[in-house]
Structure formats: structure tokens, C-alpha cells
Amino acid sequence: MVTITLSELQAGQAGTIVSIEGNDSVAARLMEMGLIPGELVQMVGQAPLGDPVEYEVVGYRLSLRRVEARRVRVERA
């Protein structure tokens, strides 16, 4: 299984979440927002300067900074 970070997905691409890196408050917040292993997440688009990036997961959209998205490992769908 080859994984990439969530920040590597391009607009329209999707992946299944494999893991969240770290064991701190940021990792906990990402999981509270629905980014949990096994969930499908799709990159929707990004701000004109590239940050933040908008994703769709469990039926809603959320925006993450690229530094946060780099902590989420996904397997391309």
C-alpha cells in the first residue's frame, strides 16, 4: 500500500484516510472534524494563493492549512 499526504491530492482526487500523524491537540482536532481512518476524503479546491485547501469528508466541507493536511496519510481511491 502506497500512501501520500492529504496535501498531495489534486482538485477532484479522493483518498481513503489511513492515519493521522502525531499525538497532540492538532491530531485530536483533525479526528474530531471527521478525519478518521477508513473515511473517504476528496480535495475540492484551494484558495488563490494555495492555502487553505478545501476538502469534503463525511458529507461536509472543511478547510485546512497545508501544514495540517500534511499530517493526514491517505491511500488514493
Protein backbone atom coordinates (compact mmCIF):
# COMPACT_ATOMS: atom_id res chain seq x y z
CA MET A 1 0.00 0.00 0.00
CA VAL A 2 1.45 3.34 -1.07
CA THR A 3 0.24 6.34 0.90
CA ILE A 4 0.53 10.05 0.32
CA THR A 5 -0.35 13.05 2.43
CA LEU A 6 -3.71 14.73 2.10
CA SER A 7 -1.95 17.87 0.87
CA GLU A 8 -0.73 15.95 -2.21
CA LEU A 9 -4.24 15.34 -3.57
CA GLN A 10 -5.22 17.49 -6.56
CA ALA A 11 -8.68 19.02 -7.13
CA GLY A 12 -11.21 16.26 -7.72
CA GLN A 13 -8.98 13.47 -6.41
CA ALA A 14 -10.04 11.36 -3.46
CA GLY A 15 -8.40 9.05 -1.00
CA THR A 16 -9.16 6.87 1.98
CA ILE A 17 -7.67 8.07 5.25
CA VAL A 18 -5.07 5.66 6.61
CA SER A 19 -3.70 7.54 9.63
CA ILE A 20 -3.21 10.87 11.36
CA GLU A 21 0.41 11.61 12.26
CA GLY A 22 1.18 12.85 15.74
CA ASN A 23 -0.37 12.55 19.16
CA ASP A 24 -1.12 16.16 20.07
CA SER A 25 -4.03 18.59 20.13
CA VAL A 26 -3.82 19.19 16.37
CA ALA A 27 -4.11 15.47 15.63
CA ALA A 28 -7.06 15.21 18.03
CA ARG A 29 -8.77 18.20 16.39
CA LEU A 30 -8.33 16.70 12.92
CA MET A 31 -10.01 13.48 14.10
CA GLU A 32 -12.82 15.44 15.77
CA MET A 33 -13.50 17.08 12.39
CA GLY A 34 -14.16 13.66 10.87
CA LEU A 35 -10.73 12.84 9.51
CA ILE A 36 -10.59 9.30 10.86
CA PRO A 37 -9.07 6.16 9.34
CA GLY A 38 -11.35 4.48 6.81
CA GLU A 39 -13.20 7.66 5.74
CA LEU A 40 -13.14 8.81 2.13
CA VAL A 41 -11.93 12.38 1.64
CA GLN A 42 -11.91 14.43 -1.57
CA MET A 43 -9.97 17.58 -2.41
CA VAL A 44 -12.46 20.19 -3.62
CA GLY A 45 -10.29 23.25 -4.28
CA GLN A 46 -7.90 25.77 -2.83
CA ALA A 47 -7.61 29.48 -2.17
CA PRO A 48 -5.96 31.58 -4.91
CA LEU A 49 -2.58 31.55 -3.13
CA GLY A 50 -2.82 27.81 -2.41
CA ASP A 51 -3.67 27.91 1.27
CA PRO A 52 -6.08 26.92 2.78
CA VAL A 53 -7.36 23.87 0.91
CA GLU A 54 -10.98 22.72 0.93
CA TYR A 55 -11.84 19.04 1.41
CA GLU A 56 -15.08 17.08 1.57
CA VAL A 57 -15.39 14.35 4.19
CA VAL A 58 -18.40 12.60 5.77
CA GLY A 59 -20.87 14.82 3.90
CA TYR A 60 -19.48 18.25 4.71
CA ARG A 61 -16.65 20.52 3.60
CA LEU A 62 -13.77 21.76 5.70
CA SER A 63 -10.77 23.95 5.04
CA LEU A 64 -7.31 23.01 6.27
CA ARG A 65 -3.96 24.69 6.06
CA ARG A 66 -1.47 22.66 4.05
CA VAL A 67 0.67 22.13 7.15
CA GLU A 68 -2.32 20.42 8.81
CA ALA A 69 -3.17 18.40 5.69
CA ARG A 70 0.39 17.04 5.61
CA ARG A 71 -0.34 15.17 8.84
CA VAL A 72 -3.11 13.06 7.26
CA ARG A 73 -1.96 9.96 5.33
CA VAL A 74 -4.29 8.69 2.61
CA GLU A 75 -4.39 5.93 0.03
CA ARG A 76 -5.66 7.17 -3.34
CA ALA A 77 -9.13 5.94 -4.20
